[in-house]
Protein backbone atom coordinates (compact mmCIF):
# COMPACT_ATOMS: atom_id res chain seq x y z
CA UNK A 1 -39.40 16.35 11.09
CA UNK A 2 -37.00 19.16 11.84
CA UNK A 3 -34.55 20.53 9.33
CA UNK A 4 -30.81 19.87 9.30
CA UNK A 5 -29.99 23.36 10.65
CA UNK A 6 -32.23 22.86 13.66
CA UNK A 7 -30.54 19.56 14.46
CA UNK A 8 -27.05 21.04 14.22
CA UNK A 9 -28.02 24.08 16.30
CA UNK A 10 -29.15 21.79 19.11
CA UNK A 11 -26.47 21.68 21.79
CA UNK A 12 -26.51 17.90 21.99
CA UNK A 13 -25.56 17.46 18.32
CA UNK A 14 -23.43 20.55 17.64
CA UNK A 15 -20.18 18.59 17.98
CA UNK A 16 -21.20 16.38 15.02
CA UNK A 17 -20.73 19.25 12.54
CA UNK A 18 -17.16 19.90 13.73
CA UNK A 19 -16.03 16.32 14.22
CA UNK A 20 -13.97 15.00 11.24
CA UNK A 21 -15.22 11.45 11.85
CA UNK A 22 -18.59 12.49 10.45
CA UNK A 23 -17.36 14.48 7.46
CA UNK A 24 -18.11 13.14 4.02
CA UNK A 25 -15.16 11.58 2.21
CA UNK A 26 -13.73 13.79 -0.57
CA UNK A 27 -14.52 12.80 -4.15
CA UNK A 28 -10.84 12.25 -5.01
CA UNK A 29 -10.22 9.87 -2.12
CA UNK A 30 -13.30 7.65 -2.58
CA UNK A 31 -11.78 5.33 -5.16
CA UNK A 32 -8.78 3.12 -4.49
CA UNK A 33 -5.88 3.88 -6.85
CA UNK A 34 -4.75 0.91 -8.92
CA UNK A 35 -1.36 0.87 -10.63
CA UNK A 36 -0.54 -0.51 -14.07
CA UNK A 37 -0.01 -4.08 -12.83
CA UNK A 38 -3.73 -4.48 -12.22
CA UNK A 39 -5.18 -2.46 -15.10
CA UNK A 40 -6.11 -5.66 -16.96
CA UNK A 41 -9.02 -6.21 -14.58
CA UNK A 42 -10.88 -3.32 -16.23
CA UNK A 43 -10.97 -4.91 -19.69
CA UNK A 44 -10.11 -8.61 -19.27
CA UNK A 45 -12.92 -11.13 -19.86
CA UNK A 46 -11.90 -13.14 -16.79
CA UNK A 47 -13.00 -10.29 -14.52
CA UNK A 48 -16.27 -9.58 -16.28
CA UNK A 49 -19.39 -11.27 -14.93
CA UNK A 50 -22.89 -10.53 -16.14
CA UNK A 51 -25.50 -10.36 -13.41
CA UNK A 52 -29.15 -11.15 -14.08
CA UNK A 53 -30.49 -10.78 -10.53
CA UNK A 54 -29.28 -8.92 -7.47
CA UNK A 55 -28.83 -10.42 -4.01
CA UNK A 56 -32.54 -10.05 -3.29
CA UNK A 57 -33.68 -11.72 -6.52
CA UNK A 58 -34.68 -8.58 -8.41
CA UNK A 59 -33.75 -8.51 -12.09
CA UNK A 60 -30.80 -6.28 -12.98
CA UNK A 61 -28.76 -5.63 -16.08
CA UNK A 62 -25.18 -4.75 -15.20
CA UNK A 63 -21.73 -6.32 -15.13
CA UNK A 64 -19.02 -6.66 -12.51
CA UNK A 65 -16.82 -4.35 -14.60
CA UNK A 66 -19.15 -1.48 -13.69
CA UNK A 67 -18.57 -2.24 -10.01
CA UNK A 68 -14.82 -2.22 -10.57
CA UNK A 69 -14.99 1.22 -12.17
CA UNK A 70 -17.17 2.40 -9.30
CA UNK A 71 -14.70 1.48 -6.55
CA UNK A 72 -11.29 1.51 -8.28
CA UNK A 73 -9.45 4.05 -10.41
CA UNK A 74 -6.19 3.84 -12.31
CA UNK A 75 -3.49 6.06 -10.90
CA UNK A 76 -2.98 9.33 -12.78
CA UNK A 77 0.17 8.32 -14.65
CA UNK A 78 -1.14 4.85 -15.46
CA UNK A 79 -4.46 6.00 -16.91
CA UNK A 80 -2.66 7.74 -19.77
CA UNK A 81 -0.59 4.62 -20.35
CA UNK A 82 -3.61 2.35 -20.39
CA UNK A 83 -5.34 4.40 -23.11
CA UNK A 84 -2.28 4.26 -25.36
CA UNK A 85 -1.76 0.56 -24.62
CA UNK A 86 -5.36 -0.29 -25.50
CA UNK A 87 -4.96 1.54 -28.82
CA UNK A 88 -1.76 -0.43 -29.51
CA UNK A 89 -3.50 -3.72 -28.71
CA UNK A 90 -6.32 -3.02 -31.17
CA UNK A 91 -3.80 -2.14 -33.88
CA UNK A 92 -1.87 -5.37 -33.20
CA UNK A 93 -5.06 -7.45 -33.36
CA UNK A 94 -5.99 -5.88 -36.70
CA UNK A 95 -2.52 -6.64 -38.06
CA UNK A 96 -2.75 -10.26 -36.91
CA UNK A 97 -6.13 -10.71 -38.55
CA UNK A 98 -4.83 -9.26 -41.82
CA UNK A 99 -1.75 -11.47 -41.60
CA UNK A 100 -3.80 -14.63 -41.09
CA UNK A 101 -6.07 -13.80 -44.01
CA UNK A 102 -3.12 -13.37 -46.33
CA UNK A 103 -1.48 -16.60 -45.16
CA UNK A 104 -4.64 -18.63 -45.86
CA UNK A 105 -4.96 -17.30 -49.43
């Protein structure tokens, strides 16, 4: 097997190095930006599936939420909002639990 430099120095394949169709996609542009309307899909139970085997029948241990994080990203302004919103939701849940406990007593 010849090395990558030898292949690119060959006249038949030299245009591949300069052609933007064959460039690798930048890291920032790989993920699709999702706005705040769809941020629930990252933490909602309805979107979370647990896989036990892959499409070829091999055992795996991952969830669909990992795939969502792999291909989608919250937009820059919304990611800050989602962190603060998730903190507010946990505080509200704690308050509700405390309120129910006091009402039962």
